Amino acid sequence: MHTILIVDDHSDIRRLLSITLGKTFQIIEAEDGASALEAIHHHHPKVVLLDVMMPGELDGLQVLDAIKADPATRDTLVAMITARGQSADHDDARQRGADAYFIKPFSPLQVVSWVRSHVK
């Protein structure tokens, strides 16, 4: 069973995604960037669903940069889930290596469909 890391400072978003994906995947959660990187190195998830704006030292884009810069994690699929809907934000995330970009409020079914289509 593949592991998915859900990173968001809002527990309701983590819970929604966890319930939606939990039947098919092993779910782990983190609420900030530092704990996300710790979880990535400990659990080696196949997919990271990553909020952009979070409290703490690292925002989602910095976590994305760290994932893609590390040879051990650079092949991890990363989908950004964010309230930042400007095309410049989307383009920036894509240039940094994001594999998908979902704007809040997002459709959980759309996220599940994307994950299933990318995880074999």
PDB file of N, CA and C in Angstrom:
ATOM      1  N   MET A   1       0.847  -1.181   0.000  1.00  0.00           N
ATOM      2  CA  MET A   1       0.000   0.000   0.000  1.00  0.00           C
ATOM      3  C   MET A   1       0.894   1.247   0.000  1.00  0.00           C
ATOM      4  N   HIS A   2       0.605   2.169  -0.909  1.00  0.00           N
ATOM      5  CA  HIS A   2       1.390   3.401  -1.000  1.00  0.00           C
ATOM      6  C   HIS A   2       1.024   4.362   0.123  1.00  0.00           C
ATOM      7  N   THR A   3       2.005   5.170   0.517  1.00  0.00           N
ATOM      8  CA  THR A   3       1.816   6.147   1.582  1.00  0.00           C
ATOM      9  C   THR A   3       1.636   7.537   0.988  1.00  0.00           C
ATOM     10  N   ILE A   4       0.691   8.275   1.561  1.00  0.00           N
ATOM     11  CA  ILE A   4       0.459   9.663   1.181  1.00  0.00           C
ATOM     12  C   ILE A   4       0.635  10.524   2.423  1.00  0.00           C
ATOM     13  N   LEU A   5       1.400  11.592   2.279  1.00  0.00           N
ATOM     14  CA  LEU A   5       1.569  12.575   3.347  1.00  0.00           C
ATOM     15  C   LEU A   5       0.689  13.775   3.033  1.00  0.00           C
ATOM     16  N   ILE A   6      -0.176  14.122   3.977  1.00  0.00           N
ATOM     17  CA  ILE A   6      -1.040  15.293   3.847  1.00  0.00           C
ATOM     18  C   ILE A   6      -0.493  16.369   4.777  1.00  0.00           C
ATOM     19  N   VAL A   7      -0.118  17.519   4.201  1.00  0.00           N
ATOM     20  CA  VAL A   7       0.488  18.602   4.978  1.00  0.00           C
ATOM     21  C   VAL A   7      -0.396  19.842   4.872  1.00  0.00           C
ATOM     22  N   ASP A   8      -1.027  20.198   5.979  1.00  0.00           N
ATOM     23  CA  ASP A   8      -1.870  21.393   6.025  1.00  0.00           C
ATOM     24  C   ASP A   8      -2.007  21.804   7.480  1.00  0.00           C
ATOM     25  N   ASP A   9      -1.999  23.106   7.747  1.00  0.00           N
ATOM     26  CA  ASP A   9      -2.141  23.558   9.126  1.00  0.00           C
ATOM     27  C   ASP A   9      -3.591  23.502   9.608  1.00  0.00           C
ATOM     28  N   HIS A  10      -4.526  23.246   8.714  1.00  0.00           N
ATOM     29  CA  HIS A  10      -5.937  23.122   9.087  1.00  0.00           C
ATOM     30  C   HIS A  10      -6.304  21.646   9.213  1.00  0.00           C
ATOM     31  N   SER A  11      -6.657  21.242  10.427  1.00  0.00           N
ATOM     32  CA  SER A  11      -6.971  19.830  10.667  1.00  0.00           C
ATOM     33  C   SER A  11      -8.177  19.362   9.871  1.00  0.00           C
ATOM     34  N   ASP A  12      -9.136  20.258   9.587  1.00  0.00           N
ATOM     35  CA  ASP A  12     -10.313  19.843   8.817  1.00  0.00           C
ATOM     36  C   ASP A  12      -9.942  19.466   7.373  1.00  0.00           C
ATOM     37  N   ILE A  13      -8.978  20.150   6.791  1.00  0.00           N
ATOM     38  CA  ILE A  13      -8.509  19.800   5.438  1.00  0.00           C
ATOM     39  C   ILE A  13      -7.797  18.447   5.480  1.00  0.00           C
ATOM     40  N   ARG A  14      -6.940  18.256   6.476  1.00  0.00           N
ATOM     41  CA  ARG A  14      -6.247  16.968   6.609  1.00  0.00           C
ATOM     42  C   ARG A  14      -7.254  15.838   6.801  1.00  0.00           C
ATOM     43  N   ARG A  15      -8.249  16.060   7.638  1.00  0.00           N
ATOM     44  CA  ARG A  15      -9.258  15.035   7.907  1.00  0.00           C
ATOM     45  C   ARG A  15     -10.047  14.708   6.639  1.00  0.00           C
ATOM     46  N   LEU A  16     -10.476  15.722   5.898  1.00  0.00           N
ATOM     47  CA  LEU A  16     -11.237  15.521   4.662  1.00  0.00           C
ATOM     48  C   LEU A  16     -10.444  14.667   3.670  1.00  0.00           C
ATOM     49  N   LEU A  17      -9.185  15.022   3.461  1.00  0.00           N
ATOM     50  CA  LEU A  17      -8.356  14.263   2.525  1.00  0.00           C
ATOM     51  C   LEU A  17      -8.051  12.869   3.054  1.00  0.00           C
ATOM     52  N   SER A  18      -7.844  12.769   4.343  1.00  0.00           N
ATOM     53  CA  SER A  18      -7.546  11.476   4.951  1.00  0.00           C
ATOM     54  C   SER A  18      -8.724  10.515   4.794  1.00  0.00           C
ATOM     55  N   ILE A  19      -9.926  11.006   5.055  1.00  0.00           N
ATOM     56  CA  ILE A  19     -11.121  10.168   4.898  1.00  0.00           C
ATOM     57  C   ILE A  19     -11.297   9.770   3.434  1.00  0.00           C
ATOM     58  N   THR A  20     -11.079  10.712   2.533  1.00  0.00           N
ATOM     59  CA  THR A  20     -11.281  10.461   1.111  1.00  0.00           C
ATOM     60  C   THR A  20     -10.267   9.472   0.548  1.00  0.00           C
ATOM     61  N   LEU A  21      -9.020   9.534   1.015  1.00  0.00           N
ATOM     62  CA  LEU A  21      -7.950   8.697   0.474  1.00  0.00           C
ATOM     63  C   LEU A  21      -7.614   7.476   1.332  1.00  0.00           C
ATOM     64  N   GLY A  22      -8.077   7.466   2.573  1.00  0.00           N
ATOM     65  CA  GLY A  22      -7.651   6.469   3.541  1.00  0.00           C
ATOM     66  C   GLY A  22      -8.040   5.031   3.248  1.00  0.00           C
ATOM     67  N   LYS A  23      -9.044   4.833   2.412  1.00  0.00           N
ATOM     68  CA  LYS A  23      -9.451   3.463   2.092  1.00  0.00           C
ATOM     69  C   LYS A  23      -8.464   2.779   1.151  1.00  0.00           C
ATOM     70  N   THR A  24      -7.764   3.585   0.362  1.00  0.00           N
ATOM     71  CA  THR A  24      -6.888   3.047  -0.671  1.00  0.00           C
ATOM     72  C   THR A  24      -5.405   3.192  -0.335  1.00  0.00           C
ATOM     73  N   PHE A  25      -5.069   4.164   0.505  1.00  0.00           N
ATOM     74  CA  PHE A  25      -3.676   4.494   0.777  1.00  0.00           C
ATOM     75  C   PHE A  25      -3.426   4.584   2.278  1.00  0.00           C
ATOM     76  N   GLN A  26      -2.161   4.405   2.660  1.00  0.00           N
ATOM     77  CA  GLN A  26      -1.761   4.666   4.044  1.00  0.00           C
ATOM     78  C   GLN A  26      -1.555   6.168   4.158  1.00  0.00           C
ATOM     79  N   ILE A  27      -2.189   6.781   5.142  1.00  0.00           N
ATOM     80  CA  ILE A  27      -2.147   8.233   5.289  1.00  0.00           C
ATOM     81  C   ILE A  27      -1.316   8.619   6.506  1.00  0.00           C
ATOM     82  N   ILE A  28      -0.425   9.578   6.309  1.00  0.00           N
ATOM     83  CA  ILE A  28       0.251  10.225   7.425  1.00  0.00           C
ATOM     84  C   ILE A  28       0.006  11.720   7.274  1.00  0.00           C
ATOM     85  N   GLU A  29       0.077  12.439   8.379  1.00  0.00           N
ATOM     86  CA  GLU A  29      -0.247  13.860   8.363  1.00  0.00           C
ATOM     87  C   GLU A  29       0.842  14.682   9.033  1.00  0.00           C
ATOM     88  N   ALA A  30       0.945  15.924   8.586  1.00  0.00           N
ATOM     89  CA  ALA A  30       1.829  16.899   9.217  1.00  0.00           C
ATOM     90  C   ALA A  30       1.130  18.248   9.150  1.00  0.00           C
ATOM     91  N   GLU A  31       1.400  19.107  10.138  1.00  0.00           N
ATOM     92  CA  GLU A  31       0.710  20.399  10.164  1.00  0.00           C
ATOM     93  C   GLU A  31       1.609  21.586   9.855  1.00  0.00           C
ATOM     94  N   ASP A  32       2.903  21.324   9.621  1.00  0.00           N
ATOM     95  CA  ASP A  32       3.800  22.420   9.250  1.00  0.00           C
ATOM     96  C   ASP A  32       4.961  21.863   8.420  1.00  0.00           C
ATOM     97  N   GLY A  33       5.741  22.774   7.867  1.00  0.00           N
ATOM     98  CA  GLY A  33       6.811  22.384   6.956  1.00  0.00           C
ATOM     99  C   GLY A  33       7.894  21.535   7.585  1.00  0.00           C
ATOM    100  N   ALA A  34       8.301  21.878   8.800  1.00  0.00           N
ATOM    101  CA  ALA A  34       9.378  21.127   9.451  1.00  0.00           C
ATOM    102  C   ALA A  34       8.955  19.691   9.733  1.00  0.00           C
ATOM    103  N   SER A  35       7.747  19.512  10.256  1.00  0.00           N
ATOM    104  CA  SER A  35       7.287  18.149  10.532  1.00  0.00           C
ATOM    105  C   SER A  35       7.018  17.397   9.231  1.00  0.00           C
ATOM    106  N   ALA A  36       6.685  18.121   8.166  1.00  0.00           N
ATOM    107  CA  ALA A  36       6.493  17.477   6.856  1.00  0.00           C
ATOM    108  C   ALA A  36       7.805  16.867   6.369  1.00  0.00           C
ATOM    109  N   LEU A  37       8.891  17.629   6.449  1.00  0.00           N
ATOM    110  CA  LEU A  37      10.185  17.102   5.991  1.00  0.00           C
ATOM    111  C   LEU A  37      10.627  15.918   6.843  1.00  0.00           C
ATOM    112  N   GLU A  38      10.370  15.994   8.138  1.00  0.00           N
ATOM    113  CA  GLU A  38      10.697  14.878   9.025  1.00  0.00           C
ATOM    114  C   GLU A  38       9.914  13.626   8.604  1.00  0.00           C
ATOM    115  N   ALA A  39       8.618  13.790   8.342  1.00  0.00           N
ATOM    116  CA  ALA A  39       7.767  12.664   7.932  1.00  0.00           C
ATOM    117  C   ALA A  39       8.199  12.099   6.576  1.00  0.00           C
ATOM    118  N   ILE A  40       8.603  12.964   5.668  1.00  0.00           N
ATOM    119  CA  ILE A  40       9.042  12.521   4.341  1.00  0.00           C
ATOM    120  C   ILE A  40      10.276  11.626   4.473  1.00  0.00           C
ATOM    121  N   HIS A  41      11.220  12.031   5.288  1.00  0.00           N
ATOM    122  CA  HIS A  41      12.445  11.244   5.432  1.00  0.00           C
ATOM    123  C   HIS A  41      12.236   9.969   6.245  1.00  0.00           C
ATOM    124  N   HIS A  42      11.237   9.965   7.092  1.00  0.00           N
ATOM    125  CA  HIS A  42      10.966   8.781   7.918  1.00  0.00           C
ATOM    126  C   HIS A  42      10.060   7.775   7.195  1.00  0.00           C
ATOM    127  N   HIS A  43       9.026   8.264   6.469  1.00  0.00           N
ATOM    128  CA  HIS A  43       8.013   7.386   5.877  1.00  0.00           C
ATOM    129  C   HIS A  43       8.158   7.182   4.369  1.00  0.00           C
ATOM    130  N   HIS A  44       8.908   8.029   3.685  1.00  0.00           N
ATOM    131  CA  HIS A  44       9.110   7.938   2.241  1.00  0.00           C
ATOM    132  C   HIS A  44       7.788   7.808   1.473  1.00  0.00           C
ATOM    133  N   PRO A  45       6.904   8.813   1.598  1.00  0.00           N
ATOM    134  CA  PRO A  45       5.612   8.722   0.912  1.00  0.00           C
ATOM    135  C   PRO A  45       5.773   8.761  -0.604  1.00  0.00           C
ATOM    136  N   LYS A  46       4.827   8.154  -1.288  1.00  0.00           N
ATOM    137  CA  LYS A  46       4.786   8.188  -2.752  1.00  0.00           C
ATOM    138  C   LYS A  46       4.278   9.553  -3.232  1.00  0.00           C
ATOM    139  N   VAL A  47       3.344  10.136  -2.438  1.00  0.00           N
ATOM    140  CA  VAL A  47       2.703  11.400  -2.791  1.00  0.00           C
ATOM    141  C   VAL A  47       2.682  12.308  -1.565  1.00  0.00           C
ATOM    142  N   VAL A  48       2.909  13.607  -1.799  1.00  0.00           N
ATOM    143  CA  VAL A  48       2.752  14.615  -0.756  1.00  0.00           C
ATOM    144  C   VAL A  48       1.705  15.616  -1.245  1.00  0.00           C
ATOM    145  N   LEU A  49       0.649  15.792  -0.446  1.00  0.00           N
ATOM    146  CA  LEU A  49      -0.362  16.819  -0.706  1.00  0.00           C
ATOM    147  C   LEU A  49      -0.008  17.965   0.222  1.00  0.00           C
ATOM    148  N   LEU A  50       0.408  19.095  -0.355  1.00  0.00           N
ATOM    149  CA  LEU A  50       1.138  20.120   0.390  1.00  0.00           C
ATOM    150  C   LEU A  50       0.482  21.489   0.287  1.00  0.00           C
ATOM    151  N   ASP A  51       0.094  22.027   1.441  1.00  0.00           N
ATOM    152  CA  ASP A  51      -0.427  23.390   1.514  1.00  0.00           C
ATOM    153  C   ASP A  51       0.738  24.359   1.293  1.00  0.00           C
ATOM    154  N   VAL A  52       0.458  25.509   0.701  1.00  0.00           N
ATOM    155  CA  VAL A  52       1.517  26.497   0.473  1.00  0.00           C
ATOM    156  C   VAL A  52       1.723  27.362   1.711  1.00  0.00           C
ATOM    157  N   MET A  53       0.650  27.918   2.232  1.00  0.00           N
ATOM    158  CA  MET A  53       0.764  28.871   3.342  1.00  0.00           C
ATOM    159  C   MET A  53       0.548  28.150   4.668  1.00  0.00           C
ATOM    160  N   MET A  54       1.633  28.045   5.447  1.00  0.00           N
ATOM    161  CA  MET A  54       1.591  27.388   6.758  1.00  0.00           C
ATOM    162  C   MET A  54       2.433  28.188   7.737  1.00  0.00           C
ATOM    163  N   PRO A  55       2.103  28.095   9.024  1.00  0.00           N
ATOM    164  CA  PRO A  55       2.922  28.782  10.027  1.00  0.00           C
ATOM    165  C   PRO A  55       4.260  28.068  10.202  1.00  0.00           C
ATOM    166  N   GLY A  56       5.191  28.751  10.820  1.00  0.00           N
ATOM    167  CA  GLY A  56       6.476  28.122  11.102  1.00  0.00           C
ATOM    168  C   GLY A  56       7.567  28.589  10.162  1.00  0.00           C
ATOM    169  N   GLU A  57       8.707  27.921  10.269  1.00  0.00           N
ATOM    170  CA  GLU A  57       9.891  28.321   9.520  1.00  0.00           C
ATOM    171  C   GLU A  57       9.776  28.081   8.025  1.00  0.00           C
ATOM    172  N   LEU A  58       9.086  27.008   7.635  1.00  0.00           N
ATOM    173  CA  LEU A  58       9.041  26.604   6.228  1.00  0.00           C
ATOM    174  C   LEU A  58       7.617  26.652   5.680  1.00  0.00           C
ATOM    175  N   ASP A  59       7.435  27.372   4.576  1.00  0.00           N
ATOM    176  CA  ASP A  59       6.136  27.300   3.906  1.00  0.00           C
ATOM    177  C   ASP A  59       6.167  26.136   2.913  1.00  0.00           C
ATOM    178  N   GLY A  60       5.059  25.906   2.251  1.00  0.00           N
ATOM    179  CA  GLY A  60       4.957  24.768   1.347  1.00  0.00           C
ATOM    180  C   GLY A  60       5.922  24.822   0.171  1.00  0.00           C
ATOM    181  N   LEU A  61       6.194  26.015  -0.336  1.00  0.00           N
ATOM    182  CA  LEU A  61       7.122  26.122  -1.467  1.00  0.00           C
ATOM    183  C   LEU A  61       8.546  25.780  -1.035  1.00  0.00           C
ATOM    184  N   GLN A  62       8.907  26.146   0.179  1.00  0.00           N
ATOM    185  CA  GLN A  62      10.240  25.785   0.685  1.00  0.00           C
ATOM    186  C   GLN A  62      10.334  24.275   0.909  1.00  0.00           C
ATOM    187  N   VAL A  63       9.250  23.657   1.364  1.00  0.00           N
ATOM    188  CA  VAL A  63       9.221  22.200   1.513  1.00  0.00           C
ATOM    189  C   VAL A  63       9.342  21.540   0.139  1.00  0.00           C
ATOM    190  N   LEU A  64       8.613  22.070  -0.841  1.00  0.00           N
ATOM    191  CA  LEU A  64       8.704  21.563  -2.214  1.00  0.00           C
ATOM    192  C   LEU A  64      10.141  21.646  -2.720  1.00  0.00           C
ATOM    193  N   ASP A  65      10.784  22.796  -2.505  1.00  0.00           N
ATOM    194  CA  ASP A  65      12.184  22.963  -2.928  1.00  0.00           C
ATOM    195  C   ASP A  65      13.070  21.900  -2.288  1.00  0.00           C
ATOM    196  N   ALA A  66      12.869  21.655  -0.991  1.00  0.00           N
ATOM    197  CA  ALA A  66      13.692  20.670  -0.275  1.00  0.00           C
ATOM    198  C   ALA A  66      13.454  19.257  -0.819  1.00  0.00           C
ATOM    199  N   ILE A  67      12.207  18.923  -1.108  1.00  0.00           N
ATOM    200  CA  ILE A  67      11.875  17.597  -1.657  1.00  0.00           C
ATOM    201  C   ILE A  67      12.565  17.399  -3.001  1.00  0.00           C
ATOM    202  N   LYS A  68      12.454  18.379  -3.865  1.00  0.00           N
ATOM    203  CA  LYS A  68      12.968  18.246  -5.234  1.00  0.00           C
ATOM    204  C   LYS A  68      14.489  18.380  -5.300  1.00  0.00           C
ATOM    205  N   ALA A  69      15.104  18.986  -4.279  1.00  0.00           N
ATOM    206  CA  ALA A  69      16.566  19.143  -4.268  1.00  0.00           C
ATOM    207  C   ALA A  69      17.281  17.902  -3.744  1.00  0.00           C
ATOM    208  N   ASP A  70      16.570  17.041  -3.041  1.00  0.00           N
ATOM    209  CA  ASP A  70      17.181  15.871  -2.414  1.00  0.00           C
ATOM    210  C   ASP A  70      17.056  14.663  -3.341  1.00  0.00           C
ATOM    211  N   PRO A  71      18.183  14.054  -3.751  1.00  0.00           N
ATOM    212  CA  PRO A  71      18.119  12.888  -4.639  1.00  0.00           C
ATOM    213  C   PRO A  71      17.265  11.742  -4.085  1.00  0.00           C
ATOM    214  N   ALA A  72      17.165  11.640  -2.766  1.00  0.00           N
ATOM    215  CA  ALA A  72      16.380  10.556  -2.151  1.00  0.00           C
ATOM    216  C   ALA A  72      14.877  10.789  -2.252  1.00  0.00           C
ATOM    217  N   THR A  73      14.470  12.051  -2.467  1.00  0.00           N
ATOM    218  CA  THR A  73      13.032  12.357  -2.477  1.00  0.00           C
ATOM    219  C   THR A  73      12.553  13.056  -3.745  1.00  0.00           C
ATOM    220  N   ARG A  74      13.448  13.368  -4.654  1.00  0.00           N
ATOM    221  CA  ARG A  74      13.054  14.199  -5.800  1.00  0.00           C
ATOM    222  C   ARG A  74      11.997  13.570  -6.699  1.00  0.00           C
ATOM    223  N   ASP A  75      11.848  12.233  -6.654  1.00  0.00           N
ATOM    224  CA  ASP A  75      10.829  11.580  -7.478  1.00  0.00           C
ATOM    225  C   ASP A  75       9.474  11.486  -6.786  1.00  0.00           C
ATOM    226  N   THR A  76       9.382  11.997  -5.565  1.00  0.00           N
ATOM    227  CA  THR A  76       8.106  12.026  -4.852  1.00  0.00           C
ATOM    228  C   THR A  76       7.145  12.941  -5.598  1.00  0.00           C
ATOM    229  N   LEU A  77       5.917  12.472  -5.791  1.00  0.00           N
ATOM    230  CA  LEU A  77       4.895  13.304  -6.423  1.00  0.00           C
ATOM    231  C   LEU A  77       4.402  14.326  -5.407  1.00  0.00           C
ATOM    232  N   VAL A  78       4.350  15.592  -5.820  1.00  0.00           N
ATOM    233  CA  VAL A  78       3.908  16.659  -4.925  1.00  0.00           C
ATOM    234  C   VAL A  78       2.775  17.433  -5.579  1.00  0.00           C
ATOM    235  N   ALA A  79       1.629  17.464  -4.892  1.00  0.00           N
ATOM    236  CA  ALA A  79       0.497  18.277  -5.333  1.00  0.00           C
ATOM    237  C   ALA A  79       0.311  19.402  -4.329  1.00  0.00           C
ATOM    238  N   MET A  80       0.350  20.618  -4.823  1.00  0.00           N
ATOM    239  CA  MET A  80       0.124  21.774  -3.970  1.00  0.00           C
ATOM    240  C   MET A  80      -1.389  21.951  -3.813  1.00  0.00           C
ATOM    241  N   ILE A  81      -1.810  22.236  -2.577  1.00  0.00           N
ATOM    242  CA  ILE A  81      -3.220  22.504  -2.293  1.00  0.00           C
ATOM    243  C   ILE A  81      -3.246  23.825  -1.550  1.00  0.00           C
ATOM    244  N   THR A  82      -3.815  24.849  -2.190  1.00  0.00           N
ATOM    245  CA  THR A  82      -3.623  26.199  -1.669  1.00  0.00           C
ATOM    246  C   THR A  82      -4.772  27.133  -2.010  1.00  0.00           C
ATOM    247  N   ALA A  83      -4.867  28.190  -1.247  1.00  0.00           N
ATOM    248  CA  ALA A  83      -5.825  29.258  -1.533  1.00  0.00           C
ATOM    249  C   ALA A  83      -5.247  30.254  -2.537  1.00  0.00           C
ATOM    250  N   ARG A  84      -3.973  30.125  -2.841  1.00  0.00           N
ATOM    251  CA  ARG A  84      -3.317  31.068  -3.757  1.00  0.00           C
ATOM    252  C   ARG A  84      -3.610  30.649  -5.194  1.00  0.00           C
ATOM    253  N   GLY A  85      -4.548  31.353  -5.816  1.00  0.00           N
ATOM    254  CA  GLY A  85      -5.040  30.939  -7.117  1.00  0.00           C
ATOM    255  C   GLY A  85      -4.543  31.741  -8.303  1.00  0.00           C
ATOM    256  N   GLN A  86      -3.623  32.662  -8.096  1.00  0.00           N
ATOM    257  CA  GLN A  86      -3.105  33.457  -9.208  1.00  0.00           C
ATOM    258  C   GLN A  86      -2.256  32.587 -10.133  1.00  0.00           C
ATOM    259  N   SER A  87      -2.284  32.881 -11.405  1.00  0.00           N
ATOM    260  CA  SER A  87      -1.500  32.073 -12.352  1.00  0.00           C
ATOM    261  C   SER A  87      -0.004  32.160 -12.043  1.00  0.00           C
ATOM    262  N   ALA A  88       0.464  33.293 -11.517  1.00  0.00           N
ATOM    263  CA  ALA A  88       1.879  33.413 -11.166  1.00  0.00           C
ATOM    264  C   ALA A  88       2.245  32.430 -10.052  1.00  0.00           C
ATOM    265  N   ASP A  89       1.329  32.219  -9.094  1.00  0.00           N
ATOM    266  CA  ASP A  89       1.569  31.254  -8.015  1.00  0.00           C
ATOM    267  C   ASP A  89       1.649  29.841  -8.582  1.00  0.00           C
ATOM    268  N   HIS A  90       0.723  29.530  -9.469  1.00  0.00           N
ATOM    269  CA  HIS A  90       0.690  28.207 -10.115  1.00  0.00           C
ATOM    270  C   HIS A  90       1.974  27.982 -10.912  1.00  0.00           C
ATOM    271  N   ASP A  91       2.361  28.969 -11.705  1.00  0.00           N
ATOM    272  CA  ASP A  91       3.574  28.862 -12.527  1.00  0.00           C
ATOM    273  C   ASP A  91       4.816  28.688 -11.655  1.00  0.00           C
ATOM    274  N   ASP A  92       4.891  29.437 -10.554  1.00  0.00           N
ATOM    275  CA  ASP A  92       6.030  29.340  -9.639  1.00  0.00           C
ATOM    276  C   ASP A  92       6.130  27.925  -9.070  1.00  0.00           C
ATOM    277  N   ALA A  93       5.020  27.376  -8.630  1.00  0.00           N
ATOM    278  CA  ALA A  93       5.025  26.021  -8.063  1.00  0.00           C
ATOM    279  C   ALA A  93       5.438  24.994  -9.115  1.00  0.00           C
ATOM    280  N   ARG A  94       4.941  25.137 -10.318  1.00  0.00           N
ATOM    281  CA  ARG A  94       5.301  24.202 -11.399  1.00  0.00           C
ATOM    282  C   ARG A  94       6.791  24.282 -11.716  1.00  0.00           C
ATOM    283  N   GLN A  95       7.326  25.501 -11.775  1.00  0.00           N
ATOM    284  CA  GLN A  95       8.753  25.666 -12.066  1.00  0.00           C
ATOM    285  C   GLN A  95       9.615  25.061 -10.963  1.00  0.00           C
ATOM    286  N   ARG A  96       9.102  25.034  -9.745  1.00  0.00           N
ATOM    287  CA  ARG A  96       9.834  24.453  -8.615  1.00  0.00           C
ATOM    288  C   ARG A  96       9.699  22.935  -8.568  1.00  0.00           C
ATOM    289  N   GLY A  97       8.838  22.379  -9.420  1.00  0.00           N
ATOM    290  CA  GLY A  97       8.720  20.925  -9.494  1.00  0.00           C
ATOM    291  C   GLY A  97       7.407  20.332  -9.040  1.00  0.00           C
ATOM    292  N   ALA A  98       6.412  21.153  -8.721  1.00  0.00           N
ATOM    293  CA  ALA A  98       5.109  20.619  -8.318  1.00  0.00           C
ATOM    294  C   ALA A  98       4.496  19.827  -9.475  1.00  0.00           C
ATOM    295  N   ASP A  99       3.895  18.708  -9.134  1.00  0.00           N
ATOM    296  CA  ASP A  99       3.282  17.848 -10.145  1.00  0.00           C
ATOM    297  C   ASP A  99       1.821  18.204 -10.405  1.00  0.00           C
ATOM    298  N   ALA A 100       1.185  18.880  -9.450  1.00  0.00           N
ATOM    299  CA  ALA A 100      -0.208  19.312  -9.609  1.00  0.00           C
ATOM    300  C   ALA A 100      -0.442  20.509  -8.704  1.00  0.00           C
ATOM    301  N   TYR A 101      -1.532  21.225  -8.977  1.00  0.00           N
ATOM    302  CA  TYR A 101      -1.850  22.442  -8.229  1.00  0.00           C
ATOM    303  C   TYR A 101      -3.361  22.522  -8.088  1.00  0.00           C
ATOM    304  N   PHE A 102      -3.858  22.359  -6.862  1.00  0.00           N
ATOM    305  CA  PHE A 102      -5.287  22.416  -6.587  1.00  0.00           C
ATOM    306  C   PHE A 102      -5.573  23.654  -5.748  1.00  0.00           C
ATOM    307  N   ILE A 103      -6.593  24.421  -6.155  1.00  0.00           N
ATOM    308  CA  ILE A 103      -6.930  25.666  -5.479  1.00  0.00           C
ATOM    309  C   ILE A 103      -8.107  25.439  -4.540  1.00  0.00           C
ATOM    310  N   LYS A 104      -7.951  25.884  -3.278  1.00  0.00           N
ATOM    311  CA  LYS A 104      -9.027  25.788  -2.292  1.00  0.00           C
ATOM    312  C   LYS A 104     -10.110  26.806  -2.638  1.00  0.00           C
ATOM    313  N   PRO A 105     -11.387  26.469  -2.484  1.00  0.00           N
ATOM    314  CA  PRO A 105     -11.873  25.147  -2.091  1.00  0.00           C
ATOM    315  C   PRO A 105     -11.742  24.183  -3.268  1.00  0.00           C
ATOM    316  N   PHE A 106     -11.202  23.019  -2.995  1.00  0.00           N
ATOM    317  CA  PHE A 106     -10.955  22.036  -4.041  1.00  0.00           C
ATOM    318  C   PHE A 106     -11.956  20.889  -3.911  1.00  0.00           C
ATOM    319  N   SER A 107     -12.050  20.102  -4.953  1.00  0.00           N
ATOM    320  CA  SER A 107     -12.893  18.912  -4.932  1.00  0.00           C
ATOM    321  C   SER A 107     -12.050  17.732  -4.450  1.00  0.00           C
ATOM    322  N   PRO A 108     -12.417  17.126  -3.305  1.00  0.00           N
ATOM    323  CA  PRO A 108     -11.660  15.958  -2.846  1.00  0.00           C
ATOM    324  C   PRO A 108     -11.634  14.853  -3.908  1.00  0.00           C
ATOM    325  N   LEU A 109     -12.711  14.711  -4.651  1.00  0.00           N
ATOM    326  CA  LEU A 109     -12.753  13.673  -5.689  1.00  0.00           C
ATOM    327  C   LEU A 109     -11.761  13.965  -6.805  1.00  0.00           C
ATOM    328  N   GLN A 110     -11.555  15.231  -7.102  1.00  0.00           N
ATOM    329  CA  GLN A 110     -10.565  15.619  -8.111  1.00  0.00           C
ATOM    330  C   GLN A 110      -9.157  15.247  -7.635  1.00  0.00           C
ATOM    331  N   VAL A 111      -8.878  15.476  -6.356  1.00  0.00           N
ATOM    332  CA  VAL A 111      -7.576  15.121  -5.792  1.00  0.00           C
ATOM    333  C   VAL A 111      -7.389  13.600  -5.824  1.00  0.00           C
ATOM    334  N   VAL A 112      -8.423  12.864  -5.390  1.00  0.00           N
ATOM    335  CA  VAL A 112      -8.360  11.396  -5.400  1.00  0.00           C
ATOM    336  C   VAL A 112      -8.127  10.883  -6.817  1.00  0.00           C
ATOM    337  N   SER A 113      -8.827  11.445  -7.770  1.00  0.00           N
ATOM    338  CA  SER A 113      -8.674  11.032  -9.165  1.00  0.00           C
ATOM    339  C   SER A 113      -7.249  11.266  -9.641  1.00  0.00           C
ATOM    340  N   TRP A 114      -6.672  12.422  -9.309  1.00  0.00           N
ATOM    341  CA  TRP A 114      -5.299  12.721  -9.694  1.00  0.00           C
ATOM    342  C   TRP A 114      -4.331  11.730  -9.053  1.00  0.00           C
ATOM    343  N   VAL A 115      -4.507  11.485  -7.749  1.00  0.00           N
ATOM    344  CA  VAL A 115      -3.609  10.551  -7.049  1.00  0.00           C
ATOM    345  C   VAL A 115      -3.700   9.180  -7.680  1.00  0.00           C
ATOM    346  N   ARG A 116      -4.912   8.690  -7.889  1.00  0.00           N
ATOM    347  CA  ARG A 116      -5.076   7.345  -8.459  1.00  0.00           C
ATOM    348  C   ARG A 116      -4.481   7.247  -9.860  1.00  0.00           C
ATOM    349  N   SER A 117      -4.592   8.303 -10.640  1.00  0.00           N
ATOM    350  CA  SER A 117      -4.064   8.248 -12.005  1.00  0.00           C
ATOM    351  C   SER A 117      -2.533   8.301 -12.033  1.00  0.00           C
ATOM    352  N   HIS A 118      -1.915   8.792 -10.952  1.00  0.00           N
ATOM    353  CA  HIS A 118      -0.464   8.916 -10.921  1.00  0.00           C
ATOM    354  C   HIS A 118       0.246   7.857 -10.084  1.00  0.00           C
ATOM    355  N   VAL A 119      -0.512   7.100  -9.303  1.00  0.00           N
ATOM    356  CA  VAL A 119       0.072   6.072  -8.450  1.00  0.00           C
ATOM    357  C   VAL A 119      -0.416   4.716  -8.938  1.00  0.00           C
ATOM    358  N   LYS A 120       0.505   3.949  -9.445  1.00  0.00           N
ATOM    359  CA  LYS A 120       0.131   2.631  -9.975  1.00  0.00           C
ATOM    360  C   LYS A 120       0.475   1.563  -8.954  1.00  0.00           C
TER     361      LYS A 120
END
